[in-house]
Structures are given as structure tokens and as C-alpha cells.
Amino acid sequence: MPDAAAPGTSETPIVGSAKPSALSELTRYRTYKRRWFFLLVVSLLNCSNAMLWLSFAPVADKIAHYFQLSMTQINWLSLIYLVISIPFGIVATWILDSFGLKCSMILCAWLNAIGSVIRLFPGLRFTDNYHFLCFMIGQTFCALAQVLVIFSPAKLAALWFPEHQRATANMIATMSNPLGILLANMGSPALVKKEEDIPLMLGFYIIPAGVACLLSSACIWESIPPTPPSKGAATSTSEPFLSGMWILLRNKAYVILALCFGGGIGSFTAFSALLEQILCVKGYSNEFSGLCGALFIVFGIIGAFVLGLFVDRTKLFTEVTKVGFCLTTLATIAFALVSQIQGQKGWIAVVCSLLGFFGFSICPVSFELAVECSYPVGEGTSTGLVFVIGQIEGVITMVLLQALTIRRSGSGPSTCQLQEGTVLDWTNSMLLLAGLSCIYSCIFIIFFHTSYKRLQAEADVTYKPHRAGKDEEDGALAQ
């Protein structure tokens, strides 16, 4: 049912001298309270999937030792998410735009839950010689789920939320992914005090995946609302999938955004997956690495919340994103320096906090900007292609960062359990990370210019919100 109008008000707004034809047009746009529940389910699914992705990284050395795996194999358990998303990301965008949110989320939820269960198999006796294979199969299922859920926030926001709530809704659903990374960074070190606790950790991560699967299967019963909340929602995915992809590839502003923001996604993915390995060689514990990862996410969520509200009111998508790129680059350079110095816990914690605040906070804004500069191409296609490009750049970045490490003799202050008489020098890798950030920022700031095509299409429509008791009412539209 649509939100009820406030007592003494009508769903038809005061429009002054609006023509009758305009008044009849206004009644076509409504919103529904259940949009918030759908947002909660998608956010939980996104969060649980991110927890599964990064659950190994904060305790990589202990898991490698316990299951007799190499550090390269452990890194592949995170890297598989990026690899899978490249070929299947395009398929996921097609599924999302062709079959809708309901089908995509239910399929995603079951893949996520099945993958979380398969990851338990290495703890069973009959899989003694197949630990890595079982982990990879489980992570592959979860990676397939990721490409479905990671594209959904912009689609959900466009189809279910009015114009003045889209950026906020996108921010909530998008930032549930780094929230899952935060929980993994805190949860894995907390659960694995000794190597024998690893099966307990693997079992713990099944719980959120199972809850998300149950809610998605039972409670998401429609892909689109009976009545669209805005003119943009009424024309969503008006372009067929293949023609939409061709339009995107010919859109200069979109290509620049996809390459630069995708590069940022790749850099942040590599940072999250390799943080424990970068810090442990300088004597920092897994717990401290988990704390830095947590600060990285917490301040990113705070920044995203603030920017989401700000952009919803000002529509300064481009300006906010460019400023965010600049500040993120400065924070990346600072991390490249302080992470290679011993005994700098305070500074490392501060820099990780700033890196999250400036970098993660522009993620949902950039996804909204991708939709704005590519409208009327479907939201799943426009955000999905950005993410796929980001994963390609992420794979390249992770491979390069690991390839540029230098193995040196002597144990030094290292707390890494796998370094037997040698330590890895990450200096060159960190300089590369800082250099890539500078390149992405310069290209984006200098060459990115766009008009807001979706907002222009809705320029003849405004919202006038009402309230009924404690429930927020969605304004009707005035022409």
C-alpha cells in the first residue's frame, strides 16, 4: 500500500496554476513504506557478502599455517572475487536489468549462503587434501553472489525512492559493503585467538549469510513498486541492455569516470586485502591491522553518510567527487610513507581513518554520478560496468603490488608467522599505490565534465513532502 497522506492533506499537491493535465500526471508518482524494508534486506545481503570476502585477510598467516597453504593461495581467496566479477559482471548487469531486483536478490542470496557453507568443508577430515579447492569453490559461489548484489543499490534507489532520497538510499545500501569489511576486520582477529579457532570463525560467518538468504527469499516479493516514485523511475532501463552498453562506451564522461573511479575501487580492494601483510612486516600485530581496517571503514561510513545527505540537497555530484579524489590522494601518499616506518601506530591509525573518510565516502556519490551522466541507460548496467572495470584494475593492482615486494634476509621486527628468516619489503608497492592514486585524480579532475541527464529529465517535477504521525510521507509531484 502507498504511504497514507497526512490528515487534512491530499496526495495531490498545491500546484498553483497547474493545468488539469499536469494534475493528472502528478498522481502517477507515489512511494511505499516497504521500500525501507527492501533497502534493509539488500544492505544485509551486501554486508554478509563482504564479510565472507575479507574474512581470511585479517588472519591470513594463521589460516595459511593451519591449513598448510601458501600466502599466495590465501591471497587468491580474496582475489577470486575480483577475477569472477570480470566475466560474470556483465552477465549480472544483464540479469539485474532484464529480470529485475527480485530474481537477482534471491539468486544472490542462495549463492551467498551455499558458498558460506562450502567454506566449512576444509575443517572436515575427508577433505584433508583439498583444503584450498574447497575454499576456492566456496569463495567462487560468494563471488558470483557479489556481482549481483554490488550493482543493486543504484537500481533499488532509482526504482523505489523519490528524487530527494535517492543518494541517501544508495549510500546506505552501498556502504553496507564496507560495513561487512569492517565486521570481518574486527571479527576474524577476535574469533581466531589461536589456530584451533579457525573452524569456529568459518561457522560464524554462515549466520548473516543464512539470515540474508531467508529474508530475501521470503520477503522480497516484487521488483518494482506498483506506482513509480519519480519520472526517472518510470523510464528506468528504457534502453535495451546491448544498446545501453554501446551508449556507455561512447560516452566520454562515463568512460573517464569508469576508469578513474574503477581504479579507485581497485586500489581500495587491494588495500583492504593486503593491509595485514603490509603492516605485519613492520612489527604490527593482526589485532592492530584489524583496528586500522575498522577505522578505515567506520570513518568511510561516517563520510558517506554526511556526503549522501549533502548531495541529496545540493546535487553537487561532480564537485564533491573531485574534492574527494584530491583528499584521497593525499591520504594515500601519507599511508605509503607512514606504513613503512616502525612504531607509528598513532599516525597509521589516523591516516587509515582519513583514507576511509575521504575515499569510501565518495563511493555512493560516484555511483549516482555514473547514473546521472549515462541516463537513460539502466542503473544496473551503468553501475555494473564501473564495478567490472574496477575489478579488472583491482586484479592488476594486487598482482603488481605483490610482484613489486622485495624479499630481504633477516627477521627484523616482523610478526608475520610465515616469514622464516626473510621479510617482505613493501616500499615499492606503496609508492606504486600512491602514484596510481595521483594519476586517477589528475585525469578525473582535469577531463571529467558532464551534465546531470536524469535530473534534467526530471526538471519539470518537484517533490513536496508530507507527514502522517511518525511515518514520513512522500510528496506528490508538481509540474
Protein backbone atom coordinates (compact mmCIF):
# COMPACT_ATOMS: atom_id res chain seq x y z
CA MET A 1 0.00 0.00 0.00
CA PRO A 2 1.22 3.52 -0.65
CA ASP A 3 2.09 5.78 2.22
CA ALA A 4 -1.06 7.37 3.60
CA ALA A 5 -1.48 11.11 3.29
CA ALA A 6 -1.33 13.23 6.38
CA PRO A 7 -4.69 14.12 8.00
CA GLY A 8 -6.27 17.05 6.27
CA THR A 9 -3.99 16.75 3.24
CA SER A 10 -4.30 15.16 -0.14
CA GLU A 11 -1.85 13.22 -2.25
CA THR A 12 -2.42 15.84 -4.95
CA PRO A 13 -0.17 18.82 -4.15
CA ILE A 14 -0.88 22.50 -4.42
CA VAL A 15 0.40 23.47 -7.82
CA GLY A 16 -0.88 26.98 -8.25
CA SER A 17 -1.90 27.46 -11.83
CA ALA A 18 -1.01 23.96 -12.96
CA LYS A 19 -3.13 22.65 -15.81
CA PRO A 20 -5.52 19.71 -15.29
CA SER A 21 -3.34 17.54 -17.50
CA ALA A 22 -0.41 18.25 -15.20
CA LEU A 23 -2.50 17.39 -12.16
CA SER A 24 -3.42 14.03 -13.63
CA GLU A 25 0.26 13.39 -14.32
CA LEU A 26 1.14 14.02 -10.67
CA THR A 27 -0.97 11.14 -9.35
CA ARG A 28 1.24 8.71 -11.23
CA TYR A 29 4.13 9.10 -8.76
CA ARG A 30 3.92 7.55 -5.27
CA THR A 31 6.19 5.86 -2.76
CA TYR A 32 5.73 2.90 -0.45
CA LYS A 33 6.88 2.27 3.13
CA ARG A 34 8.15 -1.19 2.27
CA ARG A 35 10.95 0.40 0.28
CA TRP A 36 12.85 0.76 3.61
CA PHE A 37 12.50 -2.96 4.34
CA PHE A 38 13.76 -3.86 0.86
CA LEU A 39 16.67 -1.50 1.47
CA LEU A 40 17.41 -3.30 4.76
CA VAL A 41 17.41 -6.73 3.08
CA VAL A 42 19.70 -5.63 0.24
CA SER A 43 22.02 -3.95 2.76
CA LEU A 44 22.21 -7.10 4.91
CA LEU A 45 22.95 -9.23 1.87
CA ASN A 46 25.65 -6.82 0.72
CA CYS A 47 27.16 -6.73 4.22
CA SER A 48 27.26 -10.53 4.66
CA ASN A 49 28.85 -11.00 1.24
CA ALA A 50 31.62 -8.52 2.09
CA MET A 51 32.23 -10.31 5.40
CA LEU A 52 32.79 -13.56 3.52
CA TRP A 53 35.12 -11.89 1.04
CA LEU A 54 37.54 -10.44 3.59
CA SER A 55 37.17 -12.97 6.42
CA PHE A 56 40.55 -14.56 5.60
CA ALA A 57 42.69 -11.45 5.13
CA PRO A 58 42.95 -10.22 8.78
CA VAL A 59 44.27 -13.63 9.93
CA ALA A 60 45.93 -14.70 6.68
CA ASP A 61 49.12 -16.02 8.27
CA LYS A 62 47.28 -18.21 10.82
CA ILE A 63 44.94 -19.70 8.24
CA ALA A 64 47.83 -20.43 5.89
CA HIS A 65 49.76 -22.19 8.67
CA TYR A 66 46.73 -24.13 9.96
CA PHE A 67 45.70 -25.50 6.56
CA GLN A 68 49.27 -25.71 5.20
CA LEU A 69 48.64 -23.22 2.41
CA SER A 70 50.96 -20.63 0.90
CA MET A 71 50.37 -16.91 1.31
CA THR A 72 49.77 -16.70 -2.44
CA GLN A 73 46.92 -19.19 -2.09
CA ILE A 74 45.42 -17.17 0.76
CA ASN A 75 45.59 -14.02 -1.35
CA TRP A 76 43.75 -15.83 -4.12
CA LEU A 77 40.82 -16.42 -1.77
CA SER A 78 40.31 -12.65 -1.85
CA LEU A 79 41.46 -12.16 -5.42
CA ILE A 80 38.92 -14.66 -6.76
CA TYR A 81 36.17 -12.10 -6.06
CA LEU A 82 37.83 -9.72 -8.49
CA VAL A 83 38.54 -12.37 -11.11
CA ILE A 84 34.98 -13.75 -11.08
CA SER A 85 33.44 -10.31 -11.33
CA ILE A 86 35.18 -9.56 -14.64
CA PRO A 87 33.47 -12.18 -16.89
CA PHE A 88 30.29 -12.53 -14.82
CA GLY A 89 29.84 -8.85 -14.00
CA ILE A 90 28.38 -8.17 -17.44
CA VAL A 91 26.06 -11.17 -17.05
CA ALA A 92 24.95 -9.84 -13.66
CA THR A 93 24.08 -6.42 -15.10
CA TRP A 94 22.00 -8.13 -17.78
CA ILE A 95 20.19 -10.24 -15.16
CA LEU A 96 19.52 -7.18 -12.99
CA ASP A 97 18.16 -5.03 -15.81
CA SER A 98 16.33 -7.87 -17.61
CA PHE A 99 14.84 -9.92 -14.75
CA GLY A 100 14.64 -7.28 -12.02
CA LEU A 101 15.62 -6.93 -8.38
CA LYS A 102 13.54 -9.82 -7.03
CA CYS A 103 15.13 -12.50 -9.20
CA SER A 104 18.61 -11.06 -8.78
CA MET A 105 18.45 -10.78 -4.99
CA ILE A 106 17.03 -14.27 -4.41
CA LEU A 107 19.64 -15.84 -6.69
CA CYS A 108 22.34 -13.79 -4.97
CA ALA A 109 21.15 -14.80 -1.50
CA TRP A 110 21.28 -18.52 -2.26
CA LEU A 111 24.69 -18.36 -3.92
CA ASN A 112 25.98 -16.45 -0.90
CA ALA A 113 24.56 -18.92 1.61
CA ILE A 114 25.76 -22.02 -0.28
CA GLY A 115 29.25 -20.55 -0.59
CA SER A 116 29.45 -19.83 3.14
CA VAL A 117 28.59 -23.47 3.91
CA ILE A 118 31.11 -24.93 1.44
CA ARG A 119 33.85 -22.91 3.16
CA LEU A 120 33.35 -25.13 6.23
CA PHE A 121 34.42 -28.29 4.39
CA PRO A 122 38.21 -27.84 4.90
CA GLY A 123 37.59 -28.38 8.61
CA LEU A 124 36.24 -31.87 7.90
CA ARG A 125 38.53 -34.88 7.94
CA PHE A 126 37.62 -36.24 4.48
CA THR A 127 38.83 -33.03 2.79
CA ASP A 128 42.38 -33.14 4.17
CA ASN A 129 43.99 -32.96 0.73
CA TYR A 130 41.50 -30.50 -0.74
CA HIS A 131 41.55 -27.54 1.63
CA PHE A 132 42.38 -24.95 -0.99
CA LEU A 133 39.95 -26.42 -3.52
CA CYS A 134 37.05 -26.30 -1.04
CA PHE A 135 37.88 -22.75 -0.04
CA MET A 136 38.06 -21.68 -3.68
CA ILE A 137 34.73 -23.31 -4.56
CA GLY A 138 33.04 -21.62 -1.60
CA GLN A 139 34.60 -18.24 -2.39
CA THR A 140 33.60 -18.64 -6.05
CA PHE A 141 29.93 -19.06 -5.09
CA CYS A 142 30.21 -15.97 -2.88
CA ALA A 143 31.95 -14.07 -5.69
CA LEU A 144 29.09 -14.89 -8.06
CA ALA A 145 26.70 -13.52 -5.44
CA GLN A 146 28.74 -10.35 -5.13
CA VAL A 147 28.35 -9.32 -8.76
CA LEU A 148 24.58 -9.48 -8.33
CA VAL A 149 24.29 -7.52 -5.10
CA ILE A 150 27.00 -4.93 -5.65
CA PHE A 151 25.11 -3.40 -8.62
CA SER A 152 21.73 -3.31 -6.89
CA PRO A 153 21.91 -0.15 -4.67
CA ALA A 154 21.58 2.34 -7.55
CA LYS A 155 18.82 0.23 -9.09
CA LEU A 156 16.90 -0.03 -5.81
CA ALA A 157 17.28 3.70 -5.14
CA ALA A 158 16.09 4.62 -8.65
CA LEU A 159 13.07 2.32 -8.69
CA TRP A 160 11.76 2.69 -5.13
CA PHE A 161 12.92 6.06 -3.78
CA PRO A 162 11.93 9.63 -4.69
CA GLU A 163 14.44 12.05 -6.12
CA HIS A 164 15.26 13.68 -2.76
CA GLN A 165 16.09 10.30 -1.13
CA ARG A 166 17.97 8.51 -3.92
CA ALA A 167 21.51 9.46 -2.91
CA THR A 168 20.81 8.60 0.75
CA ALA A 169 19.29 5.21 -0.13
CA ASN A 170 22.19 4.45 -2.46
CA MET A 171 24.62 5.47 0.28
CA ILE A 172 23.01 3.13 2.86
CA ALA A 173 22.98 0.10 0.56
CA THR A 174 26.42 0.77 -0.89
CA MET A 175 28.13 1.40 2.44
CA SER A 176 26.76 -1.85 3.86
CA ASN A 177 29.53 -3.48 1.81
CA PRO A 178 32.39 -1.70 3.64
CA LEU A 179 30.45 -2.29 6.86
CA GLY A 180 30.84 -6.00 6.16
CA ILE A 181 34.56 -5.45 5.59
CA LEU A 182 34.67 -3.66 8.94
CA LEU A 183 32.97 -6.55 10.72
CA ALA A 184 35.38 -9.00 9.08
CA ASN A 185 38.40 -6.91 10.08
CA MET A 186 37.20 -6.85 13.68
CA GLY A 187 35.57 -10.26 13.83
CA SER A 188 38.25 -12.52 12.37
CA PRO A 189 41.06 -11.45 14.76
CA ALA A 190 38.60 -11.51 17.68
CA LEU A 191 37.40 -15.03 16.86
CA VAL A 192 40.80 -16.51 15.97
CA LYS A 193 42.90 -16.16 19.11
CA LYS A 194 44.65 -19.42 18.23
CA GLU A 195 44.67 -21.52 15.10
CA GLU A 196 42.21 -24.05 16.50
CA ASP A 197 39.54 -21.31 16.49
CA ILE A 198 39.51 -21.04 12.69
CA PRO A 199 36.61 -23.55 12.16
CA LEU A 200 34.56 -21.51 14.65
CA MET A 201 35.22 -18.38 12.62
CA LEU A 202 34.14 -20.09 9.40
CA GLY A 203 30.93 -21.26 11.04
CA PHE A 204 30.18 -17.83 12.47
CA TYR A 205 30.09 -16.21 9.03
CA ILE A 206 27.32 -18.60 7.93
CA ILE A 207 24.85 -16.85 10.28
CA PRO A 208 24.49 -13.47 8.50
CA ALA A 209 24.53 -15.20 5.11
CA GLY A 210 21.72 -17.53 6.22
CA VAL A 211 19.60 -14.70 7.65
CA ALA A 212 20.03 -12.66 4.45
CA CYS A 213 19.02 -15.70 2.38
CA LEU A 214 15.90 -16.27 4.47
CA LEU A 215 14.75 -12.64 4.31
CA SER A 216 15.48 -12.31 0.60
CA SER A 217 13.59 -15.49 -0.28
CA ALA A 218 10.59 -14.79 1.96
CA CYS A 219 10.20 -11.02 1.92
CA ILE A 220 11.24 -9.63 -1.47
CA TRP A 221 8.10 -10.28 -3.49
CA GLU A 222 8.30 -7.65 -6.23
CA SER A 223 10.97 -5.96 -8.30
CA ILE A 224 9.27 -2.63 -8.88
CA PRO A 225 6.56 -0.71 -6.98
CA PRO A 226 3.02 -0.63 -8.42
CA THR A 227 3.44 3.11 -8.98
CA PRO A 228 6.86 4.69 -9.69
CA PRO A 229 8.19 7.29 -7.21
CA SER A 230 9.54 9.63 -9.90
CA LYS A 231 9.68 10.31 -13.59
CA GLY A 232 13.17 8.80 -13.67
CA ALA A 233 11.85 5.56 -12.16
CA ALA A 234 9.04 5.44 -14.72
CA THR A 235 11.61 5.39 -17.55
CA SER A 236 14.27 3.28 -15.80
CA THR A 237 16.12 0.81 -18.08
CA SER A 238 14.43 2.33 -21.11
CA GLU A 239 17.48 1.39 -23.16
CA PRO A 240 17.95 -2.31 -24.08
CA PHE A 241 20.98 -3.92 -22.47
CA LEU A 242 23.26 -4.22 -25.52
CA SER A 243 22.42 -0.79 -26.92
CA GLY A 244 22.87 0.63 -23.41
CA MET A 245 26.37 -0.84 -23.23
CA TRP A 246 27.21 0.68 -26.61
CA ILE A 247 25.94 4.08 -25.46
CA LEU A 248 28.11 3.88 -22.33
CA LEU A 249 31.26 3.06 -24.27
CA ARG A 250 30.67 6.10 -26.50
CA ASN A 251 30.03 8.41 -23.54
CA LYS A 252 33.33 10.24 -22.87
CA ALA A 253 32.36 11.46 -19.40
CA TYR A 254 31.21 7.99 -18.36
CA VAL A 255 34.38 6.31 -19.66
CA ILE A 256 36.57 8.75 -17.70
CA LEU A 257 34.51 8.19 -14.55
CA ALA A 258 34.59 4.42 -15.00
CA LEU A 259 38.37 4.29 -15.48
CA CYS A 260 39.25 6.68 -12.64
CA PHE A 261 36.65 5.61 -10.09
CA GLY A 262 37.16 1.98 -11.10
CA GLY A 263 40.86 2.46 -10.43
CA GLY A 264 39.98 3.80 -7.00
CA ILE A 265 37.84 0.72 -6.34
CA GLY A 266 40.73 -1.50 -7.38
CA SER A 267 43.20 0.34 -5.14
CA PHE A 268 40.89 0.16 -2.14
CA THR A 269 40.24 -3.52 -2.77
CA ALA A 270 43.99 -4.21 -2.80
CA PHE A 271 44.47 -2.06 0.31
CA SER A 272 41.80 -3.99 2.24
CA ALA A 273 43.08 -7.42 1.19
CA LEU A 274 46.79 -6.73 1.79
CA LEU A 275 46.68 -4.42 4.84
CA GLU A 276 47.62 -7.14 7.36
CA GLN A 277 50.57 -8.30 5.24
CA ILE A 278 51.82 -4.74 4.72
CA LEU A 279 51.79 -3.89 8.42
CA CYS A 280 52.93 -7.18 9.95
CA VAL A 281 56.41 -6.94 8.40
CA LYS A 282 56.95 -3.71 10.35
CA GLY A 283 56.04 -5.35 13.64
CA TYR A 284 52.35 -4.50 13.85
CA SER A 285 50.01 -7.22 15.13
CA ASN A 286 46.96 -8.70 13.41
CA GLU A 287 44.78 -7.00 16.02
CA PHE A 288 46.24 -3.60 15.15
CA SER A 289 45.81 -4.28 11.43
CA GLY A 290 42.19 -5.19 12.12
CA LEU A 291 41.79 -1.95 14.09
CA CYS A 292 43.19 0.08 11.17
CA GLY A 293 40.84 -1.70 8.78
CA ALA A 294 37.96 -0.95 11.15
CA LEU A 295 38.86 2.75 11.37
CA PHE A 296 39.15 2.81 7.59
CA ILE A 297 35.56 1.60 7.25
CA VAL A 298 33.99 3.45 10.20
CA PHE A 299 35.19 6.83 9.04
CA GLY A 300 34.27 5.91 5.46
CA ILE A 301 30.69 5.21 6.57
CA ILE A 302 30.57 8.49 8.51
CA GLY A 303 31.87 10.39 5.50
CA ALA A 304 29.43 8.65 3.16
CA PHE A 305 26.51 9.48 5.44
CA VAL A 306 27.45 13.15 5.57
CA LEU A 307 28.09 13.39 1.83
CA GLY A 308 24.94 11.45 0.98
CA LEU A 309 22.76 13.94 2.85
CA PHE A 310 24.72 16.87 1.43
CA VAL A 311 24.45 15.69 -2.18
CA ASP A 312 20.74 14.87 -1.81
CA ARG A 313 20.19 18.54 -1.01
CA THR A 314 22.74 20.27 -3.26
CA LYS A 315 23.13 17.87 -6.23
CA LEU A 316 26.85 18.78 -6.38
CA PHE A 317 27.86 15.31 -7.56
CA THR A 318 30.84 16.36 -9.66
CA GLU A 319 32.27 18.91 -7.22
CA VAL A 320 32.06 16.54 -4.26
CA THR A 321 33.67 13.69 -6.20
CA LYS A 322 36.58 15.83 -7.44
CA VAL A 323 37.34 17.19 -3.97
CA GLY A 324 37.12 13.64 -2.60
CA PHE A 325 39.61 12.38 -5.18
CA CYS A 326 42.13 15.09 -4.20
CA LEU A 327 41.89 14.41 -0.47
CA THR A 328 42.02 10.64 -1.01
CA THR A 329 45.25 11.02 -2.97
CA LEU A 330 46.84 12.99 -0.14
CA ALA A 331 45.78 10.33 2.38
CA THR A 332 47.16 7.55 0.14
CA ILE A 333 50.54 9.28 -0.11
CA ALA A 334 50.60 9.67 3.68
CA PHE A 335 49.84 5.96 4.17
CA ALA A 336 52.58 4.97 1.71
CA LEU A 337 55.06 6.84 3.93
CA VAL A 338 53.97 6.01 7.49
CA SER A 339 53.21 2.33 6.80
CA GLN A 340 56.91 1.72 6.12
CA ILE A 341 58.05 3.13 9.47
CA GLN A 342 58.16 1.13 12.69
CA GLY A 343 56.45 2.24 15.88
CA GLN A 344 53.99 4.67 14.28
CA LYS A 345 50.69 3.18 15.47
CA GLY A 346 49.08 6.54 16.14
CA TRP A 347 49.91 8.03 12.75
CA ILE A 348 48.95 4.88 10.87
CA ALA A 349 45.58 4.80 12.63
CA VAL A 350 44.96 8.47 11.81
CA VAL A 351 45.94 8.07 8.16
CA CYS A 352 43.75 4.97 7.73
CA SER A 353 40.84 6.92 9.23
CA LEU A 354 41.36 9.82 6.82
CA LEU A 355 41.79 7.47 3.87
CA GLY A 356 38.43 5.88 4.63
CA PHE A 357 36.70 9.19 5.32
CA PHE A 358 37.77 10.77 2.03
CA GLY A 359 37.88 7.68 -0.18
CA PHE A 360 34.97 5.48 0.81
CA SER A 361 32.65 8.44 1.29
CA ILE A 362 32.65 9.31 -2.44
CA CYS A 363 31.77 5.75 -3.48
CA PRO A 364 27.94 6.07 -3.39
CA VAL A 365 28.14 9.62 -4.79
CA SER A 366 30.21 8.33 -7.72
CA PHE A 367 27.70 5.58 -8.43
CA GLU A 368 24.93 8.19 -8.51
CA LEU A 369 27.11 10.32 -10.79
CA ALA A 370 27.54 7.34 -13.12
CA VAL A 371 23.76 7.06 -13.39
CA GLU A 372 23.35 10.81 -13.93
CA CYS A 373 25.88 11.05 -16.77
CA SER A 374 24.62 7.89 -18.52
CA TYR A 375 20.82 8.28 -18.23
CA PRO A 376 18.59 6.72 -19.65
CA VAL A 377 20.81 3.63 -19.66
CA GLY A 378 19.70 1.20 -16.94
CA GLU A 379 21.15 1.73 -13.47
CA GLY A 380 22.34 -1.87 -13.25
CA THR A 381 24.27 -1.51 -16.49
CA SER A 382 25.83 1.88 -15.72
CA THR A 383 26.96 0.99 -12.19
CA GLY A 384 27.81 -2.59 -13.10
CA LEU A 385 30.25 -1.65 -15.85
CA VAL A 386 32.04 0.75 -13.46
CA PHE A 387 32.41 -2.07 -10.95
CA VAL A 388 33.65 -4.56 -13.54
CA ILE A 389 36.28 -2.09 -14.72
CA GLY A 390 37.22 -1.52 -11.08
CA GLN A 391 37.68 -5.24 -10.53
CA ILE A 392 39.90 -5.54 -13.60
CA GLU A 393 42.04 -2.71 -12.30
CA GLY A 394 41.93 -4.28 -8.83
CA VAL A 395 43.34 -7.58 -10.11
CA ILE A 396 46.12 -5.74 -11.93
CA THR A 397 46.86 -3.60 -8.86
CA MET A 398 47.01 -6.56 -6.46
CA VAL A 399 49.28 -8.53 -8.79
CA LEU A 400 51.60 -5.54 -9.25
CA LEU A 401 51.74 -4.73 -5.54
CA GLN A 402 52.74 -8.30 -4.70
CA ALA A 403 55.18 -8.53 -7.62
CA LEU A 404 56.99 -5.36 -6.51
CA THR A 405 57.67 -6.65 -3.00
CA ILE A 406 61.32 -7.44 -2.27
CA ARG A 407 62.26 -10.43 -0.12
CA ARG A 408 65.05 -9.49 2.29
CA SER A 409 67.05 -11.67 4.67
CA GLY A 410 66.72 -11.26 8.42
CA SER A 411 63.59 -11.48 10.55
CA GLY A 412 63.62 -7.89 11.83
CA PRO A 413 60.50 -6.79 13.73
CA SER A 414 58.15 -8.91 11.59
CA THR A 415 55.16 -10.53 13.29
CA CYS A 416 54.20 -12.49 10.14
CA GLN A 417 54.17 -16.18 11.02
CA LEU A 418 55.16 -17.27 7.52
CA GLN A 419 58.34 -15.26 7.24
CA GLU A 420 61.05 -17.78 8.09
CA GLY A 421 64.32 -15.86 8.09
CA THR A 422 63.06 -13.40 5.46
CA VAL A 423 60.78 -10.39 5.36
CA LEU A 424 58.96 -8.65 2.52
CA ASP A 425 59.74 -5.03 1.73
CA TRP A 426 56.55 -3.26 0.56
CA THR A 427 58.16 0.16 -0.12
CA ASN A 428 57.98 -0.04 -3.92
CA SER A 429 54.43 -1.36 -3.73
CA MET A 430 53.28 1.54 -1.57
CA LEU A 431 54.91 4.06 -3.90
CA LEU A 432 53.02 2.47 -6.80
CA LEU A 433 49.74 2.71 -4.88
CA ALA A 434 50.31 6.40 -4.20
CA GLY A 435 51.32 7.02 -7.82
CA LEU A 436 48.20 5.34 -9.19
CA SER A 437 46.02 7.45 -6.91
CA CYS A 438 47.68 10.62 -8.23
CA ILE A 439 47.12 9.56 -11.83
CA TYR A 440 43.44 8.74 -11.32
CA SER A 441 42.81 12.03 -9.52
CA CYS A 442 44.56 14.20 -12.11
CA ILE A 443 42.75 12.59 -15.04
CA PHE A 444 39.35 12.86 -13.35
CA ILE A 445 39.74 16.45 -12.17
CA ILE A 446 41.06 17.75 -15.49
CA PHE A 447 38.98 15.84 -18.04
CA PHE A 448 35.66 14.90 -16.37
CA HIS A 449 32.75 17.19 -17.23
CA THR A 450 29.11 16.20 -17.54
CA SER A 451 25.53 17.37 -17.31
CA TYR A 452 23.10 15.61 -14.98
CA LYS A 453 20.87 13.94 -17.53
CA ARG A 454 18.47 12.23 -15.13
CA LEU A 455 17.92 15.41 -13.12
CA GLN A 456 17.35 17.33 -16.34
CA ALA A 457 14.73 14.79 -17.37
CA GLU A 458 13.02 15.41 -14.03
CA ALA A 459 13.47 19.18 -14.12
CA ASP A 460 9.75 19.72 -14.60
CA VAL A 461 8.98 17.70 -11.47
CA THR A 462 9.38 18.74 -7.83
CA TYR A 463 8.60 16.99 -4.55
CA LYS A 464 6.53 18.41 -1.73
CA PRO A 465 6.82 16.01 1.26
CA HIS A 466 4.06 15.50 3.83
CA ARG A 467 3.97 13.65 7.17
CA ALA A 468 1.45 11.44 8.91
CA GLY A 469 2.25 10.80 12.55
CA LYS A 470 5.72 9.29 12.79
CA ASP A 471 5.71 7.98 9.22
CA GLU A 472 7.42 10.07 6.60
CA GLU A 473 5.14 10.82 3.71
CA ASP A 474 6.43 11.18 0.24
CA GLY A 475 5.43 14.33 -1.52
CA ALA A 476 3.46 14.32 -4.67
CA LEU A 477 4.85 15.94 -7.75
CA ALA A 478 4.17 19.44 -9.05
CA GLN A 479 4.70 20.38 -12.63
